[in-house]
Amino acid sequence: MGTTGAAIGVDNETGAVHVREVREGAAADKAGLLVDDEILMIDGVYVRDLTVPAIKQKLAGDAGTSIDLTVVRGDQVLRVKLVREPAGAPSSSPPQREERIGP
């Protein structure tokens, strides 16, 4: 199983999906993701149309496989290709208003 190397949070009030943590040197870091980036789409599917389990499923996958993300950073919309890496150590606890989606 692979990992994105990022902790992702879903705001339970708005449904927005944000990057909450990026492990240095991990797949998300190499792809250029930053803390507070909002993920709009995973592989062309709007994340607000997905349940938390469906988001987890879209992020999960084998090491070496890729995910195409559409991300909002400030006033920019970016396309990011992230290649999953072998799973590593777990991340810290999520913020209270959010449900954690593992790395």
PDB file of N, CA and C in Angstrom:
ATOM      1  N   MET A   1       0.839  -1.183   0.000  1.00  0.00           N
ATOM      2  CA  MET A   1       0.000   0.000   0.000  1.00  0.00           C
ATOM      3  C   MET A   1       0.882   1.244   0.000  1.00  0.00           C
ATOM      4  N   GLY A   2       0.430   2.285  -0.697  1.00  0.00           N
ATOM      5  CA  GLY A   2       1.195   3.521  -0.780  1.00  0.00           C
ATOM      6  C   GLY A   2       0.584   4.627   0.049  1.00  0.00           C
ATOM      7  N   THR A   3       1.327   5.717   0.162  1.00  0.00           N
ATOM      8  CA  THR A   3       0.869   6.875   0.927  1.00  0.00           C
ATOM      9  C   THR A   3       1.123   8.151   0.135  1.00  0.00           C
ATOM     10  N   THR A   4       0.300   9.158   0.424  1.00  0.00           N
ATOM     11  CA  THR A   4       0.493  10.470  -0.195  1.00  0.00           C
ATOM     12  C   THR A   4       1.496  11.295   0.592  1.00  0.00           C
ATOM     13  N   GLY A   5       1.715  10.950   1.863  1.00  0.00           N
ATOM     14  CA  GLY A   5       2.618  11.719   2.706  1.00  0.00           C
ATOM     15  C   GLY A   5       2.009  13.018   3.183  1.00  0.00           C
ATOM     16  N   ALA A   6       0.681  13.098   3.123  1.00  0.00           N
ATOM     17  CA  ALA A   6      -0.022  14.301   3.579  1.00  0.00           C
ATOM     18  C   ALA A   6      -1.188  13.899   4.467  1.00  0.00           C
ATOM     19  N   ALA A   7      -1.471  14.736   5.448  1.00  0.00           N
ATOM     20  CA  ALA A   7      -2.684  14.579   6.244  1.00  0.00           C
ATOM     21  C   ALA A   7      -3.716  15.507   5.630  1.00  0.00           C
ATOM     22  N   ILE A   8      -4.885  14.962   5.348  1.00  0.00           N
ATOM     23  CA  ILE A   8      -5.954  15.690   4.688  1.00  0.00           C
ATOM     24  C   ILE A   8      -7.115  15.787   5.667  1.00  0.00           C
ATOM     25  N   GLY A   9      -7.740  16.960   5.746  1.00  0.00           N
ATOM     26  CA  GLY A   9      -8.888  17.159   6.614  1.00  0.00           C
ATOM     27  C   GLY A   9     -10.104  17.589   5.829  1.00  0.00           C
ATOM     28  N   VAL A  10     -11.267  17.084   6.244  1.00  0.00           N
ATOM     29  CA  VAL A  10     -12.534  17.480   5.640  1.00  0.00           C
ATOM     30  C   VAL A  10     -13.286  18.320   6.654  1.00  0.00           C
ATOM     31  N   ASP A  11     -13.612  19.556   6.282  1.00  0.00           N
ATOM     32  CA  ASP A  11     -14.382  20.431   7.163  1.00  0.00           C
ATOM     33  C   ASP A  11     -15.813  19.915   7.196  1.00  0.00           C
ATOM     34  N   ASN A  12     -16.286  19.524   8.376  1.00  0.00           N
ATOM     35  CA  ASN A  12     -17.619  18.937   8.505  1.00  0.00           C
ATOM     36  C   ASN A  12     -18.732  19.941   8.225  1.00  0.00           C
ATOM     37  N   GLU A  13     -18.461  21.226   8.313  1.00  0.00           N
ATOM     38  CA  GLU A  13     -19.478  22.250   8.054  1.00  0.00           C
ATOM     39  C   GLU A  13     -19.580  22.583   6.568  1.00  0.00           C
ATOM     40  N   THR A  14     -18.454  22.735   5.892  1.00  0.00           N
ATOM     41  CA  THR A  14     -18.464  23.188   4.496  1.00  0.00           C
ATOM     42  C   THR A  14     -18.204  22.074   3.490  1.00  0.00           C
ATOM     43  N   GLY A  15     -17.618  20.981   3.934  1.00  0.00           N
ATOM     44  CA  GLY A  15     -17.248  19.903   3.029  1.00  0.00           C
ATOM     45  C   GLY A  15     -15.929  20.137   2.314  1.00  0.00           C
ATOM     46  N   ALA A  16     -15.277  21.271   2.584  1.00  0.00           N
ATOM     47  CA  ALA A  16     -13.993  21.574   1.951  1.00  0.00           C
ATOM     48  C   ALA A  16     -12.933  20.590   2.429  1.00  0.00           C
ATOM     49  N   VAL A  17     -12.042  20.217   1.522  1.00  0.00           N
ATOM     50  CA  VAL A  17     -10.961  19.278   1.815  1.00  0.00           C
ATOM     51  C   VAL A  17      -9.645  20.047   1.728  1.00  0.00           C
ATOM     52  N   HIS A  18      -8.906  20.067   2.834  1.00  0.00           N
ATOM     53  CA  HIS A  18      -7.651  20.819   2.893  1.00  0.00           C
ATOM     54  C   HIS A  18      -6.481  19.928   3.292  1.00  0.00           C
ATOM     55  N   VAL A  19      -5.305  20.308   2.817  1.00  0.00           N
ATOM     56  CA  VAL A  19      -4.069  19.672   3.246  1.00  0.00           C
ATOM     57  C   VAL A  19      -3.733  20.245   4.616  1.00  0.00           C
ATOM     58  N   ARG A  20      -3.579  19.397   5.618  1.00  0.00           N
ATOM     59  CA  ARG A  20      -3.316  19.847   6.992  1.00  0.00           C
ATOM     60  C   ARG A  20      -1.879  19.615   7.413  1.00  0.00           C
ATOM     61  N   GLU A  21      -1.199  18.687   6.735  1.00  0.00           N
ATOM     62  CA  GLU A  21       0.198  18.393   7.071  1.00  0.00           C
ATOM     63  C   GLU A  21       0.859  17.762   5.856  1.00  0.00           C
ATOM     64  N   VAL A  22       2.097  18.140   5.599  1.00  0.00           N
ATOM     65  CA  VAL A  22       2.883  17.550   4.517  1.00  0.00           C
ATOM     66  C   VAL A  22       4.205  17.105   5.120  1.00  0.00           C
ATOM     67  N   ARG A  23       4.467  15.799   5.058  1.00  0.00           N
ATOM     68  CA  ARG A  23       5.738  15.292   5.587  1.00  0.00           C
ATOM     69  C   ARG A  23       6.870  15.666   4.636  1.00  0.00           C
ATOM     70  N   GLU A  24       7.912  16.220   5.202  1.00  0.00           N
ATOM     71  CA  GLU A  24       9.067  16.643   4.410  1.00  0.00           C
ATOM     72  C   GLU A  24       9.662  15.462   3.665  1.00  0.00           C
ATOM     73  N   GLY A  25       9.879  15.638   2.374  1.00  0.00           N
ATOM     74  CA  GLY A  25      10.476  14.607   1.541  1.00  0.00           C
ATOM     75  C   GLY A  25       9.517  13.538   1.056  1.00  0.00           C
ATOM     76  N   ALA A  26       8.260  13.581   1.514  1.00  0.00           N
ATOM     77  CA  ALA A  26       7.271  12.575   1.124  1.00  0.00           C
ATOM     78  C   ALA A  26       6.648  12.940  -0.224  1.00  0.00           C
ATOM     79  N   ALA A  27       5.781  12.086  -0.723  1.00  0.00           N
ATOM     80  CA  ALA A  27       5.174  12.255  -2.042  1.00  0.00           C
ATOM     81  C   ALA A  27       4.485  13.611  -2.202  1.00  0.00           C
ATOM     82  N   ALA A  28       3.702  14.030  -1.207  1.00  0.00           N
ATOM     83  CA  ALA A  28       2.997  15.312  -1.293  1.00  0.00           C
ATOM     84  C   ALA A  28       3.976  16.482  -1.366  1.00  0.00           C
ATOM     85  N   ASP A  29       5.055  16.395  -0.606  1.00  0.00           N
ATOM     86  CA  ASP A  29       6.095  17.423  -0.619  1.00  0.00           C
ATOM     87  C   ASP A  29       6.757  17.479  -1.999  1.00  0.00           C
ATOM     88  N   LYS A  30       7.105  16.329  -2.537  1.00  0.00           N
ATOM     89  CA  LYS A  30       7.730  16.267  -3.856  1.00  0.00           C
ATOM     90  C   LYS A  30       6.807  16.793  -4.953  1.00  0.00           C
ATOM     91  N   ALA A  31       5.494  16.598  -4.774  1.00  0.00           N
ATOM     92  CA  ALA A  31       4.516  17.067  -5.759  1.00  0.00           C
ATOM     93  C   ALA A  31       4.253  18.567  -5.632  1.00  0.00           C
ATOM     94  N   GLY A  32       4.709  19.166  -4.517  1.00  0.00           N
ATOM     95  CA  GLY A  32       4.533  20.603  -4.331  1.00  0.00           C
ATOM     96  C   GLY A  32       3.311  21.010  -3.540  1.00  0.00           C
ATOM     97  N   LEU A  33       2.626  20.052  -2.897  1.00  0.00           N
ATOM     98  CA  LEU A  33       1.481  20.418  -2.061  1.00  0.00           C
ATOM     99  C   LEU A  33       1.954  21.189  -0.842  1.00  0.00           C
ATOM    100  N   LEU A  34       1.119  22.132  -0.397  1.00  0.00           N
ATOM    101  CA  LEU A  34       1.419  22.934   0.784  1.00  0.00           C
ATOM    102  C   LEU A  34       0.283  22.839   1.782  1.00  0.00           C
ATOM    103  N   VAL A  35       0.600  23.020   3.051  1.00  0.00           N
ATOM    104  CA  VAL A  35      -0.423  23.083   4.092  1.00  0.00           C
ATOM    105  C   VAL A  35      -1.397  24.196   3.731  1.00  0.00           C
ATOM    106  N   ASP A  36      -2.677  23.946   3.911  1.00  0.00           N
ATOM    107  CA  ASP A  36      -3.803  24.841   3.616  1.00  0.00           C
ATOM    108  C   ASP A  36      -4.237  24.831   2.156  1.00  0.00           C
ATOM    109  N   ASP A  37      -3.550  24.099   1.269  1.00  0.00           N
ATOM    110  CA  ASP A  37      -4.077  23.939  -0.085  1.00  0.00           C
ATOM    111  C   ASP A  37      -5.451  23.289   0.027  1.00  0.00           C
ATOM    112  N   GLU A  38      -6.408  23.765  -0.773  1.00  0.00           N
ATOM    113  CA  GLU A  38      -7.719  23.134  -0.816  1.00  0.00           C
ATOM    114  C   GLU A  38      -7.761  22.201  -2.016  1.00  0.00           C
ATOM    115  N   ILE A  39      -8.109  20.955  -1.777  1.00  0.00           N
ATOM    116  CA  ILE A  39      -8.223  19.982  -2.857  1.00  0.00           C
ATOM    117  C   ILE A  39      -9.645  20.033  -3.397  1.00  0.00           C
ATOM    118  N   LEU A  40      -9.777  20.411  -4.671  1.00  0.00           N
ATOM    119  CA  LEU A  40     -11.088  20.477  -5.313  1.00  0.00           C
ATOM    120  C   LEU A  40     -11.466  19.159  -5.973  1.00  0.00           C
ATOM    121  N   MET A  41     -10.479  18.553  -6.641  1.00  0.00           N
ATOM    122  CA  MET A  41     -10.758  17.333  -7.396  1.00  0.00           C
ATOM    123  C   MET A  41      -9.651  16.308  -7.185  1.00  0.00           C
ATOM    124  N   ILE A  42     -10.063  15.033  -7.176  1.00  0.00           N
ATOM    125  CA  ILE A  42      -9.127  13.913  -7.168  1.00  0.00           C
ATOM    126  C   ILE A  42      -9.449  13.086  -8.408  1.00  0.00           C
ATOM    127  N   ASP A  43      -8.478  12.974  -9.292  1.00  0.00           N
ATOM    128  CA  ASP A  43      -8.665  12.236 -10.544  1.00  0.00           C
ATOM    129  C   ASP A  43      -9.929  12.675 -11.283  1.00  0.00           C
ATOM    130  N   GLY A  44     -10.167  13.991 -11.325  1.00  0.00           N
ATOM    131  CA  GLY A  44     -11.280  14.549 -12.090  1.00  0.00           C
ATOM    132  C   GLY A  44     -12.631  14.511 -11.408  1.00  0.00           C
ATOM    133  N   VAL A  45     -12.692  14.074 -10.151  1.00  0.00           N
ATOM    134  CA  VAL A  45     -13.956  13.992  -9.413  1.00  0.00           C
ATOM    135  C   VAL A  45     -13.950  15.044  -8.305  1.00  0.00           C
ATOM    136  N   TYR A  46     -15.015  15.872  -8.253  1.00  0.00           N
ATOM    137  CA  TYR A  46     -15.122  16.890  -7.213  1.00  0.00           C
ATOM    138  C   TYR A  46     -15.246  16.236  -5.840  1.00  0.00           C
ATOM    139  N   VAL A  47     -14.366  16.613  -4.905  1.00  0.00           N
ATOM    140  CA  VAL A  47     -14.345  15.971  -3.593  1.00  0.00           C
ATOM    141  C   VAL A  47     -15.589  16.296  -2.775  1.00  0.00           C
ATOM    142  N   ARG A  48     -16.213  17.439  -3.025  1.00  0.00           N
ATOM    143  CA  ARG A  48     -17.430  17.769  -2.264  1.00  0.00           C
ATOM    144  C   ARG A  48     -18.596  16.870  -2.645  1.00  0.00           C
ATOM    145  N   ASP A  49     -18.467  16.153  -3.759  1.00  0.00           N
ATOM    146  CA  ASP A  49     -19.484  15.182  -4.177  1.00  0.00           C
ATOM    147  C   ASP A  49     -19.234  13.806  -3.572  1.00  0.00           C
ATOM    148  N   LEU A  50     -18.143  13.660  -2.808  1.00  0.00           N
ATOM    149  CA  LEU A  50     -17.748  12.363  -2.265  1.00  0.00           C
ATOM    150  C   LEU A  50     -17.960  12.293  -0.760  1.00  0.00           C
ATOM    151  N   THR A  51     -18.191  11.093  -0.273  1.00  0.00           N
ATOM    152  CA  THR A  51     -18.222  10.854   1.168  1.00  0.00           C
ATOM    153  C   THR A  51     -16.782  10.730   1.662  1.00  0.00           C
ATOM    154  N   VAL A  52     -16.592  10.805   2.970  1.00  0.00           N
ATOM    155  CA  VAL A  52     -15.252  10.638   3.534  1.00  0.00           C
ATOM    156  C   VAL A  52     -14.663   9.275   3.152  1.00  0.00           C
ATOM    157  N   PRO A  53     -15.420   8.169   3.260  1.00  0.00           N
ATOM    158  CA  PRO A  53     -14.848   6.887   2.828  1.00  0.00           C
ATOM    159  C   PRO A  53     -14.458   6.890   1.345  1.00  0.00           C
ATOM    160  N   ALA A  54     -15.228   7.564   0.505  1.00  0.00           N
ATOM    161  CA  ALA A  54     -14.906   7.613  -0.925  1.00  0.00           C
ATOM    162  C   ALA A  54     -13.627   8.428  -1.168  1.00  0.00           C
ATOM    163  N   ILE A  55     -13.430   9.497  -0.390  1.00  0.00           N
ATOM    164  CA  ILE A  55     -12.200  10.289  -0.505  1.00  0.00           C
ATOM    165  C   ILE A  55     -11.010   9.425  -0.099  1.00  0.00           C
ATOM    166  N   LYS A  56     -11.161   8.697   1.010  1.00  0.00           N
ATOM    167  CA  LYS A  56     -10.086   7.793   1.459  1.00  0.00           C
ATOM    168  C   LYS A  56      -9.745   6.784   0.378  1.00  0.00           C
ATOM    169  N   GLN A  57     -10.771   6.231  -0.262  1.00  0.00           N
ATOM    170  CA  GLN A  57     -10.557   5.231  -1.301  1.00  0.00           C
ATOM    171  C   GLN A  57      -9.819   5.843  -2.492  1.00  0.00           C
ATOM    172  N   LYS A  58     -10.185   7.066  -2.877  1.00  0.00           N
ATOM    173  CA  LYS A  58      -9.517   7.739  -4.003  1.00  0.00           C
ATOM    174  C   LYS A  58      -8.044   8.025  -3.693  1.00  0.00           C
ATOM    175  N   LEU A  59      -7.733   8.336  -2.422  1.00  0.00           N
ATOM    176  CA  LEU A  59      -6.356   8.639  -2.037  1.00  0.00           C
ATOM    177  C   LEU A  59      -5.515   7.382  -1.844  1.00  0.00           C
ATOM    178  N   ALA A  60      -6.176   6.270  -1.523  1.00  0.00           N
ATOM    179  CA  ALA A  60      -5.462   5.012  -1.289  1.00  0.00           C
ATOM    180  C   ALA A  60      -5.010   4.404  -2.609  1.00  0.00           C
ATOM    181  N   GLY A  61      -3.980   3.613  -2.528  1.00  0.00           N
ATOM    182  CA  GLY A  61      -3.511   2.916  -3.723  1.00  0.00           C
ATOM    183  C   GLY A  61      -2.128   2.357  -3.508  1.00  0.00           C
ATOM    184  N   ASP A  62      -1.660   1.658  -4.488  1.00  0.00           N
ATOM    185  CA  ASP A  62      -0.349   1.027  -4.398  1.00  0.00           C
ATOM    186  C   ASP A  62       0.769   2.048  -4.571  1.00  0.00           C
ATOM    187  N   ALA A  63       1.878   1.805  -3.886  1.00  0.00           N
ATOM    188  CA  ALA A  63       3.069   2.644  -4.045  1.00  0.00           C
ATOM    189  C   ALA A  63       3.462   2.637  -5.521  1.00  0.00           C
ATOM    190  N   GLY A  64       3.825   3.815  -6.023  1.00  0.00           N
ATOM    191  CA  GLY A  64       4.225   3.955  -7.418  1.00  0.00           C
ATOM    192  C   GLY A  64       3.105   4.370  -8.347  1.00  0.00           C
ATOM    193  N   THR A  65       1.853   4.290  -7.860  1.00  0.00           N
ATOM    194  CA  THR A  65       0.733   4.753  -8.676  1.00  0.00           C
ATOM    195  C   THR A  65       0.493   6.234  -8.409  1.00  0.00           C
ATOM    196  N   SER A  66      -0.207   6.903  -9.327  1.00  0.00           N
ATOM    197  CA  SER A  66      -0.354   8.353  -9.206  1.00  0.00           C
ATOM    198  C   SER A  66      -1.799   8.789  -9.005  1.00  0.00           C
ATOM    199  N   ILE A  67      -1.939  10.019  -8.526  1.00  0.00           N
ATOM    200  CA  ILE A  67      -3.219  10.691  -8.333  1.00  0.00           C
ATOM    201  C   ILE A  67      -3.082  12.060  -8.986  1.00  0.00           C
ATOM    202  N   ASP A  68      -4.096  12.474  -9.730  1.00  0.00           N
ATOM    203  CA  ASP A  68      -4.141  13.826 -10.275  1.00  0.00           C
ATOM    204  C   ASP A  68      -5.055  14.666  -9.396  1.00  0.00           C
ATOM    205  N   LEU A  69      -4.507  15.749  -8.845  1.00  0.00           N
ATOM    206  CA  LEU A  69      -5.258  16.623  -7.953  1.00  0.00           C
ATOM    207  C   LEU A  69      -5.445  17.990  -8.593  1.00  0.00           C
ATOM    208  N   THR A  70      -6.614  18.578  -8.377  1.00  0.00           N
ATOM    209  CA  THR A  70      -6.850  19.981  -8.708  1.00  0.00           C
ATOM    210  C   THR A  70      -6.925  20.700  -7.377  1.00  0.00           C
ATOM    211  N   VAL A  71      -6.068  21.707  -7.206  1.00  0.00           N
ATOM    212  CA  VAL A  71      -5.852  22.347  -5.909  1.00  0.00           C
ATOM    213  C   VAL A  71      -6.030  23.856  -6.038  1.00  0.00           C
ATOM    214  N   VAL A  72      -6.623  24.460  -5.006  1.00  0.00           N
ATOM    215  CA  VAL A  72      -6.703  25.917  -4.928  1.00  0.00           C
ATOM    216  C   VAL A  72      -5.687  26.380  -3.893  1.00  0.00           C
ATOM    217  N   ARG A  73      -4.841  27.319  -4.316  1.00  0.00           N
ATOM    218  CA  ARG A  73      -3.850  27.929  -3.423  1.00  0.00           C
ATOM    219  C   ARG A  73      -3.972  29.437  -3.615  1.00  0.00           C
ATOM    220  N   GLY A  74      -4.545  30.102  -2.600  1.00  0.00           N
ATOM    221  CA  GLY A  74      -4.780  31.543  -2.738  1.00  0.00           C
ATOM    222  C   GLY A  74      -5.759  31.779  -3.875  1.00  0.00           C
ATOM    223  N   ASP A  75      -5.346  32.559  -4.887  1.00  0.00           N
ATOM    224  CA  ASP A  75      -6.221  32.819  -6.031  1.00  0.00           C
ATOM    225  C   ASP A  75      -5.838  31.991  -7.256  1.00  0.00           C
ATOM    226  N   GLN A  76      -4.999  30.968  -7.067  1.00  0.00           N
ATOM    227  CA  GLN A  76      -4.557  30.110  -8.165  1.00  0.00           C
ATOM    228  C   GLN A  76      -5.231  28.741  -8.098  1.00  0.00           C
ATOM    229  N   VAL A  77      -5.525  28.197  -9.259  1.00  0.00           N
ATOM    230  CA  VAL A  77      -5.985  26.812  -9.366  1.00  0.00           C
ATOM    231  C   VAL A  77      -4.860  26.040 -10.043  1.00  0.00           C
ATOM    232  N   LEU A  78      -4.392  24.987  -9.378  1.00  0.00           N
ATOM    233  CA  LEU A  78      -3.229  24.227  -9.837  1.00  0.00           C
ATOM    234  C   LEU A  78      -3.591  22.775 -10.094  1.00  0.00           C
ATOM    235  N   ARG A  79      -2.912  22.160 -11.062  1.00  0.00           N
ATOM    236  CA  ARG A  79      -3.004  20.713 -11.281  1.00  0.00           C
ATOM    237  C   ARG A  79      -1.736  20.100 -10.725  1.00  0.00           C
ATOM    238  N   VAL A  80      -1.898  19.089  -9.887  1.00  0.00           N
ATOM    239  CA  VAL A  80      -0.754  18.451  -9.234  1.00  0.00           C
ATOM    240  C   VAL A  80      -0.834  16.948  -9.470  1.00  0.00           C
ATOM    241  N   LYS A  81       0.274  16.372  -9.925  1.00  0.00           N
ATOM    242  CA  LYS A  81       0.354  14.912 -10.063  1.00  0.00           C
ATOM    243  C   LYS A  81       1.201  14.400  -8.912  1.00  0.00           C
ATOM    244  N   LEU A  82       0.623  13.530  -8.101  1.00  0.00           N
ATOM    245  CA  LEU A  82       1.284  12.992  -6.927  1.00  0.00           C
ATOM    246  C   LEU A  82       1.484  11.496  -7.131  1.00  0.00           C
ATOM    247  N   VAL A  83       2.679  11.008  -6.889  1.00  0.00           N
ATOM    248  CA  VAL A  83       2.979   9.574  -7.007  1.00  0.00           C
ATOM    249  C   VAL A  83       3.107   8.994  -5.600  1.00  0.00           C
ATOM    250  N   ARG A  84       2.227   8.047  -5.277  1.00  0.00           N
ATOM    251  CA  ARG A  84       2.231   7.438  -3.950  1.00  0.00           C
ATOM    252  C   ARG A  84       3.559   6.738  -3.684  1.00  0.00           C
ATOM    253  N   GLU A  85       3.984   6.807  -2.413  1.00  0.00           N
ATOM    254  CA  GLU A  85       5.222   6.146  -1.975  1.00  0.00           C
ATOM    255  C   GLU A  85       4.872   5.083  -0.942  1.00  0.00           C
ATOM    256  N   PRO A  86       5.809   4.178  -0.634  1.00  0.00           N
ATOM    257  CA  PRO A  86       5.541   3.179   0.400  1.00  0.00           C
ATOM    258  C   PRO A  86       5.133   3.851   1.713  1.00  0.00           C
ATOM    259  N   ALA A  87       4.172   3.260   2.403  1.00  0.00           N
ATOM    260  CA  ALA A  87       3.636   3.830   3.646  1.00  0.00           C
ATOM    261  C   ALA A  87       4.728   3.981   4.695  1.00  0.00           C
ATOM    262  N   GLY A  88       4.629   5.098   5.458  1.00  0.00           N
ATOM    263  CA  GLY A  88       5.592   5.382   6.516  1.00  0.00           C
ATOM    264  C   GLY A  88       4.890   5.570   7.848  1.00  0.00           C
ATOM    265  N   ALA A  89       5.489   6.369   8.714  1.00  0.00           N
ATOM    266  CA  ALA A  89       4.944   6.621  10.055  1.00  0.00           C
ATOM    267  C   ALA A  89       3.665   7.442   9.979  1.00  0.00           C
ATOM    268  N   PRO A  90       2.701   7.196  10.908  1.00  0.00           N
ATOM    269  CA  PRO A  90       1.456   7.963  10.926  1.00  0.00           C
ATOM    270  C   PRO A  90       1.685   9.424  11.331  1.00  0.00           C
ATOM    271  N   SER A  91       0.737  10.270  10.953  1.00  0.00           N
ATOM    272  CA  SER A  91       0.801  11.708  11.257  1.00  0.00           C
ATOM    273  C   SER A  91       0.167  12.004  12.608  1.00  0.00           C
ATOM    274  N   SER A  92       0.227  13.268  13.004  1.00  0.00           N
ATOM    275  CA  SER A  92      -0.339  13.713  14.277  1.00  0.00           C
ATOM    276  C   SER A  92      -1.857  13.794  14.219  1.00  0.00           C
ATOM    277  N   SER A  93      -2.497  14.116  15.336  1.00  0.00           N
ATOM    278  CA  SER A  93      -3.955  14.173  15.444  1.00  0.00           C
ATOM    279  C   SER A  93      -4.548  15.296  14.603  1.00  0.00           C
ATOM    280  N   PRO A  94      -5.813  15.118  14.137  1.00  0.00           N
ATOM    281  CA  PRO A  94      -6.464  16.113  13.297  1.00  0.00           C
ATOM    282  C   PRO A  94      -7.015  17.292  14.103  1.00  0.00           C
ATOM    283  N   PRO A  95      -7.278  18.421  13.434  1.00  0.00           N
ATOM    284  CA  PRO A  95      -7.979  19.520  14.093  1.00  0.00           C
ATOM    285  C   PRO A  95      -9.384  19.056  14.482  1.00  0.00           C
ATOM    286  N   GLN A  96      -9.988  19.646  15.507  1.00  0.00           N
ATOM    287  CA  GLN A  96     -11.255  19.202  16.049  1.00  0.00           C
ATOM    288  C   GLN A  96     -12.422  19.309  15.082  1.00  0.00           C
ATOM    289  N   ARG A  97     -12.470  20.330  14.232  1.00  0.00           N
ATOM    290  CA  ARG A  97     -13.607  20.519  13.340  1.00  0.00           C
ATOM    291  C   ARG A  97     -13.561  19.599  12.134  1.00  0.00           C
ATOM    292  N   GLU A  98     -12.545  18.779  12.025  1.00  0.00           N
ATOM    293  CA  GLU A  98     -12.363  18.000  10.821  1.00  0.00           C
ATOM    294  C   GLU A  98     -12.272  16.515  11.112  1.00  0.00           C
ATOM    295  N   GLU A  99     -12.604  15.743  10.106  1.00  0.00           N
ATOM    296  CA  GLU A  99     -12.424  14.309  10.185  1.00  0.00           C
ATOM    297  C   GLU A  99     -11.157  13.968   9.422  1.00  0.00           C
ATOM    298  N   ARG A 100     -10.258  13.266  10.043  1.00  0.00           N
ATOM    299  CA  ARG A 100      -8.945  12.962   9.468  1.00  0.00           C
ATOM    300  C   ARG A 100      -9.068  11.930   8.361  1.00  0.00           C
ATOM    301  N   ILE A 101      -8.403  12.183   7.263  1.00  0.00           N
ATOM    302  CA  ILE A 101      -8.249  11.211   6.187  1.00  0.00           C
ATOM    303  C   ILE A 101      -6.775  10.921   6.139  1.00  0.00           C
ATOM    304  N   GLY A 102      -6.386   9.714   6.481  1.00  0.00           N
ATOM    305  CA  GLY A 102      -4.983   9.355   6.653  1.00  0.00           C
ATOM    306  C   GLY A 102      -4.115   9.622   5.451  1.00  0.00           C
ATOM    307  N   PRO A 103      -2.811   9.653   5.691  1.00  0.00           N
ATOM    308  CA  PRO A 103      -1.869   9.914   4.606  1.00  0.00           C
ATOM    309  C   PRO A 103      -1.849   8.808   3.578  1.00  0.00           C
TER     310      PRO A 103
END
